[in-house]
Amino acid sequence: MCGMNNKSFSTVVGVVFSLIGLLHLVRAVYGWEALIGGLAVPLWASWVAVAAALYLAYGAFSLARK
């Protein structure tokens, strides 16, 4: 095993989801185009991703504090 306890794991997950949320926020604010498989991803999808990622980050950081 890697020796990572639940608190450390939750903190790492919180940081990862925070970065994902931040990147989606930057994409939404600047209006950058995103393509997946040649199809354009609508800008509103990034706003949904910001909310979801930050919610998951909050949950992970909450678990890390316990």
PDB file of N, CA and C in Angstrom:
ATOM      1  N   MET A   1       0.830  -1.191   0.000  1.00  0.00           N
ATOM      2  CA  MET A   1       0.000   0.000   0.000  1.00  0.00           C
ATOM      3  C   MET A   1       0.872   1.251   0.000  1.00  0.00           C
ATOM      4  N   CYS A   2       0.275   2.361  -0.320  1.00  0.00           N
ATOM      5  CA  CYS A   2       1.048   3.602  -0.431  1.00  0.00           C
ATOM      6  C   CYS A   2       1.212   4.312   0.912  1.00  0.00           C
ATOM      7  N   GLY A   3       0.510   3.898   1.944  1.00  0.00           N
ATOM      8  CA  GLY A   3       0.671   4.496   3.255  1.00  0.00           C
ATOM      9  C   GLY A   3      -0.078   5.807   3.441  1.00  0.00           C
ATOM     10  N   MET A   4      -1.042   6.097   2.579  1.00  0.00           N
ATOM     11  CA  MET A   4      -1.795   7.338   2.690  1.00  0.00           C
ATOM     12  C   MET A   4      -3.033   7.092   3.552  1.00  0.00           C
ATOM     13  N   ASN A   5      -3.217   7.903   4.576  1.00  0.00           N
ATOM     14  CA  ASN A   5      -4.395   7.748   5.416  1.00  0.00           C
ATOM     15  C   ASN A   5      -5.582   8.510   4.813  1.00  0.00           C
ATOM     16  N   ASN A   6      -6.752   8.342   5.426  1.00  0.00           N
ATOM     17  CA  ASN A   6      -7.980   8.951   4.893  1.00  0.00           C
ATOM     18  C   ASN A   6      -7.908  10.476   4.860  1.00  0.00           C
ATOM     19  N   LYS A   7      -7.301  11.070   5.869  1.00  0.00           N
ATOM     20  CA  LYS A   7      -7.210  12.529   5.920  1.00  0.00           C
ATOM     21  C   LYS A   7      -6.349  13.060   4.773  1.00  0.00           C
ATOM     22  N   SER A   8      -5.219  12.429   4.541  1.00  0.00           N
ATOM     23  CA  SER A   8      -4.340  12.852   3.446  1.00  0.00           C
ATOM     24  C   SER A   8      -5.018  12.655   2.098  1.00  0.00           C
ATOM     25  N   PHE A   9      -5.675  11.499   1.936  1.00  0.00           N
ATOM     26  CA  PHE A   9      -6.368  11.215   0.681  1.00  0.00           C
ATOM     27  C   PHE A   9      -7.451  12.249   0.419  1.00  0.00           C
ATOM     28  N   SER A  10      -8.253  12.558   1.435  1.00  0.00           N
ATOM     29  CA  SER A  10      -9.327  13.544   1.269  1.00  0.00           C
ATOM     30  C   SER A  10      -8.763  14.921   0.929  1.00  0.00           C
ATOM     31  N   THR A  11      -7.636  15.271   1.508  1.00  0.00           N
ATOM     32  CA  THR A  11      -7.011  16.558   1.196  1.00  0.00           C
ATOM     33  C   THR A  11      -6.538  16.606  -0.250  1.00  0.00           C
ATOM     34  N   VAL A  12      -5.906  15.533  -0.705  1.00  0.00           N
ATOM     35  CA  VAL A  12      -5.442  15.473  -2.097  1.00  0.00           C
ATOM     36  C   VAL A  12      -6.622  15.553  -3.058  1.00  0.00           C
ATOM     37  N   VAL A  13      -7.686  14.828  -2.759  1.00  0.00           N
ATOM     38  CA  VAL A  13      -8.885  14.869  -3.601  1.00  0.00           C
ATOM     39  C   VAL A  13      -9.481  16.277  -3.612  1.00  0.00           C
ATOM     40  N   GLY A  14      -9.508  16.930  -2.460  1.00  0.00           N
ATOM     41  CA  GLY A  14     -10.012  18.303  -2.393  1.00  0.00           C
ATOM     42  C   GLY A  14      -9.198  19.256  -3.239  1.00  0.00           C
ATOM     43  N   VAL A  15      -7.885  19.115  -3.214  1.00  0.00           N
ATOM     44  CA  VAL A  15      -7.019  19.974  -4.031  1.00  0.00           C
ATOM     45  C   VAL A  15      -7.247  19.715  -5.514  1.00  0.00           C
ATOM     46  N   VAL A  16      -7.348  18.442  -5.894  1.00  0.00           N
ATOM     47  CA  VAL A  16      -7.560  18.097  -7.307  1.00  0.00           C
ATOM     48  C   VAL A  16      -8.884  18.681  -7.803  1.00  0.00           C
ATOM     49  N   PHE A  17      -9.957  18.493  -7.047  1.00  0.00           N
ATOM     50  CA  PHE A  17     -11.252  19.025  -7.470  1.00  0.00           C
ATOM     51  C   PHE A  17     -11.263  20.558  -7.454  1.00  0.00           C
ATOM     52  N   SER A  18     -10.525  21.167  -6.546  1.00  0.00           N
ATOM     53  CA  SER A  18     -10.418  22.629  -6.548  1.00  0.00           C
ATOM     54  C   SER A  18      -9.745  23.124  -7.821  1.00  0.00           C
ATOM     55  N   LEU A  19      -8.684  22.449  -8.234  1.00  0.00           N
ATOM     56  CA  LEU A  19      -7.995  22.829  -9.469  1.00  0.00           C
ATOM     57  C   LEU A  19      -8.885  22.634 -10.692  1.00  0.00           C
ATOM     58  N   ILE A  20      -9.627  21.539 -10.715  1.00  0.00           N
ATOM     59  CA  ILE A  20     -10.552  21.299 -11.827  1.00  0.00           C
ATOM     60  C   ILE A  20     -11.605  22.395 -11.876  1.00  0.00           C
ATOM     61  N   GLY A  21     -12.164  22.743 -10.717  1.00  0.00           N
ATOM     62  CA  GLY A  21     -13.159  23.814 -10.662  1.00  0.00           C
ATOM     63  C   GLY A  21     -12.586  25.145 -11.109  1.00  0.00           C
ATOM     64  N   LEU A  22     -11.361  25.437 -10.685  1.00  0.00           N
ATOM     65  CA  LEU A  22     -10.707  26.682 -11.066  1.00  0.00           C
ATOM     66  C   LEU A  22     -10.470  26.745 -12.572  1.00  0.00           C
ATOM     67  N   LEU A  23     -10.015  25.648 -13.152  1.00  0.00           N
ATOM     68  CA  LEU A  23      -9.783  25.622 -14.603  1.00  0.00           C
ATOM     69  C   LEU A  23     -11.086  25.797 -15.380  1.00  0.00           C
ATOM     70  N   HIS A  24     -12.151  25.177 -14.923  1.00  0.00           N
ATOM     71  CA  HIS A  24     -13.447  25.368 -15.593  1.00  0.00           C
ATOM     72  C   HIS A  24     -13.939  26.802 -15.422  1.00  0.00           C
ATOM     73  N   LEU A  25     -13.692  27.394 -14.263  1.00  0.00           N
ATOM     74  CA  LEU A  25     -14.079  28.782 -14.038  1.00  0.00           C
ATOM     75  C   LEU A  25     -13.330  29.713 -14.994  1.00  0.00           C
ATOM     76  N   VAL A  26     -12.038  29.492 -15.139  1.00  0.00           N
ATOM     77  CA  VAL A  26     -11.235  30.312 -16.056  1.00  0.00           C
ATOM     78  C   VAL A  26     -11.742  30.143 -17.483  1.00  0.00           C
ATOM     79  N   ARG A  27     -12.045  28.903 -17.877  1.00  0.00           N
ATOM     80  CA  ARG A  27     -12.571  28.668 -19.219  1.00  0.00           C
ATOM     81  C   ARG A  27     -13.894  29.411 -19.427  1.00  0.00           C
ATOM     82  N   ALA A  28     -14.771  29.358 -18.439  1.00  0.00           N
ATOM     83  CA  ALA A  28     -16.077  30.001 -18.564  1.00  0.00           C
ATOM     84  C   ALA A  28     -15.949  31.522 -18.610  1.00  0.00           C
ATOM     85  N   VAL A  29     -15.083  32.083 -17.781  1.00  0.00           N
ATOM     86  CA  VAL A  29     -14.930  33.544 -17.735  1.00  0.00           C
ATOM     87  C   VAL A  29     -14.317  34.075 -19.029  1.00  0.00           C
ATOM     88  N   TYR A  30     -13.298  33.388 -19.529  1.00  0.00           N
ATOM     89  CA  TYR A  30     -12.623  33.855 -20.738  1.00  0.00           C
ATOM     90  C   TYR A  30     -13.279  33.361 -22.027  1.00  0.00           C
ATOM     91  N   GLY A  31     -14.233  32.455 -21.926  1.00  0.00           N
ATOM     92  CA  GLY A  31     -14.946  31.970 -23.100  1.00  0.00           C
ATOM     93  C   GLY A  31     -14.117  31.086 -24.006  1.00  0.00           C
ATOM     94  N   TRP A  32     -13.149  30.388 -23.423  1.00  0.00           N
ATOM     95  CA  TRP A  32     -12.306  29.507 -24.229  1.00  0.00           C
ATOM     96  C   TRP A  32     -13.122  28.356 -24.792  1.00  0.00           C
ATOM     97  N   GLU A  33     -12.799  27.985 -26.016  1.00  0.00           N
ATOM     98  CA  GLU A  33     -13.480  26.875 -26.669  1.00  0.00           C
ATOM     99  C   GLU A  33     -12.899  25.556 -26.170  1.00  0.00           C
ATOM    100  N   ALA A  34     -13.763  24.575 -25.997  1.00  0.00           N
ATOM    101  CA  ALA A  34     -13.327  23.233 -25.624  1.00  0.00           C
ATOM    102  C   ALA A  34     -13.924  22.247 -26.610  1.00  0.00           C
ATOM    103  N   LEU A  35     -13.080  21.362 -27.102  1.00  0.00           N
ATOM    104  CA  LEU A  35     -13.523  20.340 -28.047  1.00  0.00           C
ATOM    105  C   LEU A  35     -13.271  18.960 -27.457  1.00  0.00           C
ATOM    106  N   ILE A  36     -14.267  18.105 -27.574  1.00  0.00           N
ATOM    107  CA  ILE A  36     -14.122  16.704 -27.168  1.00  0.00           C
ATOM    108  C   ILE A  36     -14.569  15.864 -28.347  1.00  0.00           C
ATOM    109  N   GLY A  37     -13.638  15.146 -28.898  1.00  0.00           N
ATOM    110  CA  GLY A  37     -13.959  14.316 -30.059  1.00  0.00           C
ATOM    111  C   GLY A  37     -14.435  15.128 -31.246  1.00  0.00           C
ATOM    112  N   GLY A  38     -13.946  16.348 -31.376  1.00  0.00           N
ATOM    113  CA  GLY A  38     -14.333  17.214 -32.487  1.00  0.00           C
ATOM    114  C   GLY A  38     -15.622  17.982 -32.265  1.00  0.00           C
ATOM    115  N   LEU A  39     -16.299  17.738 -31.167  1.00  0.00           N
ATOM    116  CA  LEU A  39     -17.546  18.450 -30.863  1.00  0.00           C
ATOM    117  C   LEU A  39     -17.270  19.554 -29.852  1.00  0.00           C
ATOM    118  N   ALA A  40     -17.847  20.724 -30.106  1.00  0.00           N
ATOM    119  CA  ALA A  40     -17.673  21.861 -29.202  1.00  0.00           C
ATOM    120  C   ALA A  40     -18.517  21.661 -27.940  1.00  0.00           C
ATOM    121  N   VAL A  41     -17.890  21.852 -26.789  1.00  0.00           N
ATOM    122  CA  VAL A  41     -18.592  21.758 -25.505  1.00  0.00           C
ATOM    123  C   VAL A  41     -19.178  23.135 -25.197  1.00  0.00           C
ATOM    124  N   PRO A  42     -20.485  23.220 -24.927  1.00  0.00           N
ATOM    125  CA  PRO A  42     -21.081  24.529 -24.653  1.00  0.00           C
ATOM    126  C   PRO A  42     -20.516  25.152 -23.380  1.00  0.00           C
ATOM    127  N   LEU A  43     -20.522  26.475 -23.345  1.00  0.00           N
ATOM    128  CA  LEU A  43     -19.951  27.203 -22.222  1.00  0.00           C
ATOM    129  C   LEU A  43     -20.711  26.944 -20.923  1.00  0.00           C
ATOM    130  N   TRP A  44     -22.017  26.741 -21.012  1.00  0.00           N
ATOM    131  CA  TRP A  44     -22.791  26.496 -19.796  1.00  0.00           C
ATOM    132  C   TRP A  44     -22.345  25.215 -19.097  1.00  0.00           C
ATOM    133  N   ALA A  45     -21.768  24.278 -19.835  1.00  0.00           N
ATOM    134  CA  ALA A  45     -21.306  23.032 -19.231  1.00  0.00           C
ATOM    135  C   ALA A  45     -20.162  23.300 -18.251  1.00  0.00           C
ATOM    136  N   SER A  46     -19.345  24.307 -18.539  1.00  0.00           N
ATOM    137  CA  SER A  46     -18.270  24.645 -17.616  1.00  0.00           C
ATOM    138  C   SER A  46     -18.819  25.235 -16.329  1.00  0.00           C
ATOM    139  N   TRP A  47     -19.898  26.009 -16.405  1.00  0.00           N
ATOM    140  CA  TRP A  47     -20.500  26.541 -15.181  1.00  0.00           C
ATOM    141  C   TRP A  47     -21.045  25.413 -14.316  1.00  0.00           C
ATOM    142  N   VAL A  48     -21.633  24.406 -14.949  1.00  0.00           N
ATOM    143  CA  VAL A  48     -22.108  23.237 -14.203  1.00  0.00           C
ATOM    144  C   VAL A  48     -20.917  22.496 -13.589  1.00  0.00           C
ATOM    145  N   ALA A  49     -19.833  22.359 -14.357  1.00  0.00           N
ATOM    146  CA  ALA A  49     -18.634  21.673 -13.870  1.00  0.00           C
ATOM    147  C   ALA A  49     -17.992  22.436 -12.711  1.00  0.00           C
ATOM    148  N   VAL A  50     -18.027  23.775 -12.758  1.00  0.00           N
ATOM    149  CA  VAL A  50     -17.492  24.580 -11.644  1.00  0.00           C
ATOM    150  C   VAL A  50     -18.259  24.258 -10.370  1.00  0.00           C
ATOM    151  N   ALA A  51     -19.575  24.287 -10.456  1.00  0.00           N
ATOM    152  CA  ALA A  51     -20.399  24.019  -9.277  1.00  0.00           C
ATOM    153  C   ALA A  51     -20.164  22.604  -8.755  1.00  0.00           C
ATOM    154  N   ALA A  52     -20.120  21.623  -9.643  1.00  0.00           N
ATOM    155  CA  ALA A  52     -19.934  20.236  -9.228  1.00  0.00           C
ATOM    156  C   ALA A  52     -18.554  20.017  -8.620  1.00  0.00           C
ATOM    157  N   ALA A  53     -17.523  20.535  -9.263  1.00  0.00           N
ATOM    158  CA  ALA A  53     -16.160  20.327  -8.779  1.00  0.00           C
ATOM    159  C   ALA A  53     -15.944  21.007  -7.426  1.00  0.00           C
ATOM    160  N   LEU A  54     -16.456  22.221  -7.272  1.00  0.00           N
ATOM    161  CA  LEU A  54     -16.280  22.919  -5.998  1.00  0.00           C
ATOM    162  C   LEU A  54     -17.095  22.271  -4.885  1.00  0.00           C
ATOM    163  N   TYR A  55     -18.245  21.719  -5.217  1.00  0.00           N
ATOM    164  CA  TYR A  55     -19.030  20.978  -4.232  1.00  0.00           C
ATOM    165  C   TYR A  55     -18.271  19.730  -3.771  1.00  0.00           C
ATOM    166  N   LEU A  56     -17.681  19.007  -4.721  1.00  0.00           N
ATOM    167  CA  LEU A  56     -16.907  17.813  -4.375  1.00  0.00           C
ATOM    168  C   LEU A  56     -15.656  18.177  -3.576  1.00  0.00           C
ATOM    169  N   ALA A  57     -15.032  19.306  -3.914  1.00  0.00           N
ATOM    170  CA  ALA A  57     -13.853  19.762  -3.163  1.00  0.00           C
ATOM    171  C   ALA A  57     -14.261  20.103  -1.729  1.00  0.00           C
ATOM    172  N   TYR A  58     -15.367  20.784  -1.574  1.00  0.00           N
ATOM    173  CA  TYR A  58     -15.860  21.126  -0.227  1.00  0.00           C
ATOM    174  C   TYR A  58     -16.109  19.854   0.580  1.00  0.00           C
ATOM    175  N   GLY A  59     -16.736  18.872  -0.039  1.00  0.00           N
ATOM    176  CA  GLY A  59     -16.987  17.602   0.646  1.00  0.00           C
ATOM    177  C   GLY A  59     -15.705  16.906   1.059  1.00  0.00           C
ATOM    178  N   ALA A  60     -14.718  16.913   0.171  1.00  0.00           N
ATOM    179  CA  ALA A  60     -13.437  16.266   0.484  1.00  0.00           C
ATOM    180  C   ALA A  60     -12.727  16.988   1.614  1.00  0.00           C
ATOM    181  N   PHE A  61     -12.697  18.319   1.573  1.00  0.00           N
ATOM    182  CA  PHE A  61     -12.055  19.063   2.661  1.00  0.00           C
ATOM    183  C   PHE A  61     -12.813  18.892   3.982  1.00  0.00           C
ATOM    184  N   SER A  62     -14.121  18.762   3.905  1.00  0.00           N
ATOM    185  CA  SER A  62     -14.909  18.518   5.128  1.00  0.00           C
ATOM    186  C   SER A  62     -14.543  17.165   5.738  1.00  0.00           C
ATOM    187  N   LEU A  63     -14.369  16.156   4.899  1.00  0.00           N
ATOM    188  CA  LEU A  63     -13.970  14.838   5.400  1.00  0.00           C
ATOM    189  C   LEU A  63     -12.557  14.878   5.984  1.00  0.00           C
ATOM    190  N   ALA A  64     -11.697  15.677   5.385  1.00  0.00           N
ATOM    191  CA  ALA A  64     -10.316  15.775   5.863  1.00  0.00           C
ATOM    192  C   ALA A  64     -10.250  16.411   7.248  1.00  0.00           C
ATOM    193  N   ARG A  65     -11.201  17.283   7.567  1.00  0.00           N
ATOM    194  CA  ARG A  65     -11.206  17.952   8.867  1.00  0.00           C
ATOM    195  C   ARG A  65     -11.691  17.046   9.995  1.00  0.00           C
ATOM    196  N   LYS A  66     -12.410  15.982   9.658  1.00  0.00           N
ATOM    197  CA  LYS A  66     -12.976  15.097  10.702  1.00  0.00           C
ATOM    198  C   LYS A  66     -11.914  14.221  11.301  1.00  0.00           C
TER     199      LYS A  66
END
